[in-house]
Amino acid sequence: MIRETSAQGNSGLKWFKSSYSDSSNPSDCVEIAPTPTAIHIRDSKKPGGARLATAPAAWAAFVGFVTQG
């Protein structure tokens, strides 16, 4: 996993929220920007703040885990 700040590269990333995001405050969400080599993750309330990046396989495993039930 990589932790980044907005001062580092990554220009041109296309961020989006899940279509399942449902909250009383629509800005309370995690956004992702997928690339071929990494899934970039940030807090939608602080788009210029810290970001995480993880391998696509790790993200797929995480999503599979949280959607079980």
N, C-alpha and C. Protein backbone atom coordinates (compact mmCIF):
# COMPACT_ATOMS: atom_id res chain seq x y z
N MET A 1 0.85 -1.17 0.00
CA MET A 1 0.00 0.00 0.00
C MET A 1 0.90 1.23 0.00
N ILE A 2 0.47 2.25 -0.70
CA ILE A 2 1.22 3.49 -0.82
C ILE A 2 0.37 4.62 -0.25
N ARG A 3 0.96 5.46 0.58
CA ARG A 3 0.25 6.64 1.09
C ARG A 3 0.84 7.85 0.40
N GLU A 4 -0.01 8.69 -0.17
CA GLU A 4 0.45 9.85 -0.91
C GLU A 4 -0.29 11.09 -0.44
N THR A 5 0.30 12.25 -0.68
CA THR A 5 -0.40 13.52 -0.46
C THR A 5 -0.72 14.11 -1.81
N SER A 6 -1.58 15.10 -1.83
CA SER A 6 -1.99 15.69 -3.10
C SER A 6 -0.85 16.40 -3.81
N ALA A 7 0.21 16.73 -3.11
CA ALA A 7 1.34 17.41 -3.73
C ALA A 7 2.09 16.50 -4.69
N GLN A 8 1.92 15.19 -4.53
CA GLN A 8 2.60 14.26 -5.42
C GLN A 8 1.81 14.11 -6.69
N GLY A 9 2.42 13.54 -7.72
CA GLY A 9 1.87 13.36 -9.06
C GLY A 9 0.39 13.03 -9.12
N ASN A 10 0.05 12.09 -9.96
CA ASN A 10 -1.31 11.57 -10.10
C ASN A 10 -2.27 12.52 -10.81
N SER A 11 -1.75 13.52 -11.51
CA SER A 11 -2.68 14.35 -12.26
C SER A 11 -3.30 13.47 -13.35
N GLY A 12 -4.53 13.76 -13.67
CA GLY A 12 -5.21 13.00 -14.70
C GLY A 12 -5.98 11.80 -14.17
N LEU A 13 -5.97 11.56 -12.87
CA LEU A 13 -6.76 10.46 -12.32
C LEU A 13 -8.24 10.82 -12.40
N LYS A 14 -9.06 9.84 -12.70
CA LYS A 14 -10.51 10.06 -12.77
C LYS A 14 -11.15 9.42 -11.55
N TRP A 15 -11.58 10.27 -10.63
CA TRP A 15 -12.13 9.82 -9.35
C TRP A 15 -13.62 9.61 -9.46
N PHE A 16 -14.12 8.59 -8.74
CA PHE A 16 -15.57 8.40 -8.67
C PHE A 16 -15.96 7.73 -7.36
N LYS A 17 -17.24 7.91 -7.01
CA LYS A 17 -17.82 7.29 -5.83
C LYS A 17 -18.70 6.13 -6.30
N SER A 18 -18.92 5.20 -5.41
CA SER A 18 -19.77 4.06 -5.72
C SER A 18 -21.20 4.52 -5.97
N SER A 19 -21.85 3.86 -6.89
CA SER A 19 -23.27 4.15 -7.12
C SER A 19 -24.11 3.68 -5.94
N TYR A 20 -23.54 2.86 -5.06
CA TYR A 20 -24.23 2.39 -3.86
C TYR A 20 -24.05 3.35 -2.68
N SER A 21 -23.27 4.41 -2.87
CA SER A 21 -23.03 5.35 -1.78
C SER A 21 -24.34 6.05 -1.45
N ASP A 22 -24.80 5.86 -0.24
CA ASP A 22 -26.06 6.45 0.19
C ASP A 22 -25.89 6.95 1.62
N SER A 23 -25.92 8.24 1.79
CA SER A 23 -25.71 8.84 3.09
C SER A 23 -26.55 10.10 3.18
N SER A 24 -26.80 10.55 4.39
CA SER A 24 -27.51 11.81 4.55
C SER A 24 -26.66 12.97 4.05
N ASN A 25 -25.34 12.76 4.00
CA ASN A 25 -24.42 13.75 3.45
C ASN A 25 -23.69 13.10 2.29
N PRO A 26 -24.04 13.46 1.04
CA PRO A 26 -23.45 12.77 -0.11
C PRO A 26 -21.94 12.93 -0.24
N SER A 27 -21.33 13.85 0.50
CA SER A 27 -19.88 13.99 0.41
C SER A 27 -19.15 13.04 1.37
N ASP A 28 -19.90 12.30 2.21
CA ASP A 28 -19.29 11.33 3.13
C ASP A 28 -19.07 10.01 2.40
N CYS A 29 -17.99 9.94 1.68
CA CYS A 29 -17.75 8.75 0.89
C CYS A 29 -16.26 8.61 0.58
N VAL A 30 -15.91 7.41 0.21
CA VAL A 30 -14.57 7.14 -0.28
C VAL A 30 -14.65 7.20 -1.80
N GLU A 31 -13.67 7.81 -2.42
CA GLU A 31 -13.60 7.84 -3.88
C GLU A 31 -12.41 7.00 -4.32
N ILE A 32 -12.53 6.41 -5.50
CA ILE A 32 -11.40 5.66 -6.05
C ILE A 32 -11.10 6.14 -7.46
N ALA A 33 -9.86 5.94 -7.85
CA ALA A 33 -9.42 6.23 -9.21
C ALA A 33 -8.58 5.03 -9.66
N PRO A 34 -9.19 4.13 -10.43
CA PRO A 34 -8.46 2.95 -10.86
C PRO A 34 -7.49 3.25 -12.01
N THR A 35 -6.35 2.61 -11.97
CA THR A 35 -5.39 2.63 -13.07
C THR A 35 -4.98 1.18 -13.31
N PRO A 36 -4.27 0.88 -14.36
CA PRO A 36 -3.88 -0.51 -14.60
C PRO A 36 -3.01 -1.11 -13.50
N THR A 37 -2.25 -0.29 -12.81
CA THR A 37 -1.31 -0.83 -11.82
C THR A 37 -1.69 -0.56 -10.37
N ALA A 38 -2.70 0.29 -10.13
CA ALA A 38 -3.06 0.64 -8.75
C ALA A 38 -4.49 1.14 -8.68
N ILE A 39 -5.08 0.97 -7.50
CA ILE A 39 -6.36 1.60 -7.19
C ILE A 39 -6.05 2.70 -6.18
N HIS A 40 -6.31 3.95 -6.57
CA HIS A 40 -6.04 5.10 -5.71
C HIS A 40 -7.31 5.39 -4.91
N ILE A 41 -7.16 5.68 -3.63
CA ILE A 41 -8.29 5.84 -2.72
C ILE A 41 -8.13 7.15 -1.95
N ARG A 42 -9.22 7.90 -1.82
CA ARG A 42 -9.17 9.14 -1.04
C ARG A 42 -10.51 9.40 -0.37
N ASP A 43 -10.50 10.28 0.60
CA ASP A 43 -11.70 10.73 1.31
C ASP A 43 -12.35 11.83 0.47
N SER A 44 -13.60 11.67 0.13
CA SER A 44 -14.26 12.66 -0.73
C SER A 44 -14.39 14.02 -0.05
N LYS A 45 -14.35 14.05 1.29
CA LYS A 45 -14.44 15.33 1.99
C LYS A 45 -13.13 16.11 1.92
N LYS A 46 -12.02 15.40 1.66
CA LYS A 46 -10.71 16.04 1.59
C LYS A 46 -9.97 15.58 0.33
N PRO A 47 -10.46 15.98 -0.84
CA PRO A 47 -9.85 15.48 -2.08
C PRO A 47 -8.39 15.89 -2.25
N GLY A 48 -7.96 16.94 -1.58
CA GLY A 48 -6.56 17.34 -1.66
C GLY A 48 -5.70 16.74 -0.57
N GLY A 49 -6.29 15.92 0.26
CA GLY A 49 -5.56 15.33 1.39
C GLY A 49 -4.82 14.06 1.02
N ALA A 50 -4.53 13.28 2.03
CA ALA A 50 -3.77 12.04 1.84
C ALA A 50 -4.56 11.06 0.98
N ARG A 51 -3.81 10.25 0.24
CA ARG A 51 -4.39 9.21 -0.60
C ARG A 51 -3.69 7.90 -0.32
N LEU A 52 -4.39 6.83 -0.57
CA LEU A 52 -3.81 5.50 -0.49
C LEU A 52 -3.85 4.90 -1.89
N ALA A 53 -2.92 4.01 -2.16
CA ALA A 53 -2.95 3.26 -3.41
C ALA A 53 -2.65 1.81 -3.07
N THR A 54 -3.37 0.92 -3.72
CA THR A 54 -3.17 -0.50 -3.48
C THR A 54 -3.21 -1.25 -4.81
N ALA A 55 -2.68 -2.43 -4.82
CA ALA A 55 -2.70 -3.26 -6.02
C ALA A 55 -4.15 -3.62 -6.37
N PRO A 56 -4.47 -3.73 -7.65
CA PRO A 56 -5.84 -4.09 -8.02
C PRO A 56 -6.31 -5.41 -7.39
N ALA A 57 -5.44 -6.40 -7.26
CA ALA A 57 -5.84 -7.67 -6.66
C ALA A 57 -6.20 -7.49 -5.19
N ALA A 58 -5.47 -6.66 -4.48
CA ALA A 58 -5.77 -6.39 -3.07
C ALA A 58 -7.10 -5.67 -2.94
N TRP A 59 -7.38 -4.72 -3.83
CA TRP A 59 -8.65 -4.00 -3.80
C TRP A 59 -9.80 -4.96 -4.08
N ALA A 60 -9.63 -5.85 -5.06
CA ALA A 60 -10.68 -6.82 -5.38
C ALA A 60 -10.95 -7.73 -4.19
N ALA A 61 -9.91 -8.15 -3.48
CA ALA A 61 -10.09 -8.98 -2.30
C ALA A 61 -10.83 -8.22 -1.21
N PHE A 62 -10.50 -6.96 -1.01
CA PHE A 62 -11.17 -6.12 -0.01
C PHE A 62 -12.66 -5.97 -0.36
N VAL A 63 -12.95 -5.62 -1.59
CA VAL A 63 -14.35 -5.44 -2.01
C VAL A 63 -15.11 -6.76 -1.84
N GLY A 64 -14.49 -7.87 -2.20
CA GLY A 64 -15.13 -9.17 -2.02
C GLY A 64 -15.44 -9.45 -0.56
N PHE A 65 -14.53 -9.06 0.31
CA PHE A 65 -14.73 -9.28 1.75
C PHE A 65 -15.87 -8.43 2.31
N VAL A 66 -15.90 -7.15 1.96
CA VAL A 66 -16.91 -6.26 2.54
C VAL A 66 -18.29 -6.46 1.92
N THR A 67 -18.38 -7.10 0.77
CA THR A 67 -19.69 -7.31 0.16
C THR A 67 -20.29 -8.66 0.51
N GLN A 68 -19.57 -9.48 1.26
CA GLN A 68 -20.12 -10.77 1.70
C GLN A 68 -21.19 -10.50 2.76
N GLY A 69 -22.15 -11.31 2.77
CA GLY A 69 -23.06 -11.15 3.88
C GLY A 69 -24.44 -11.40 3.56
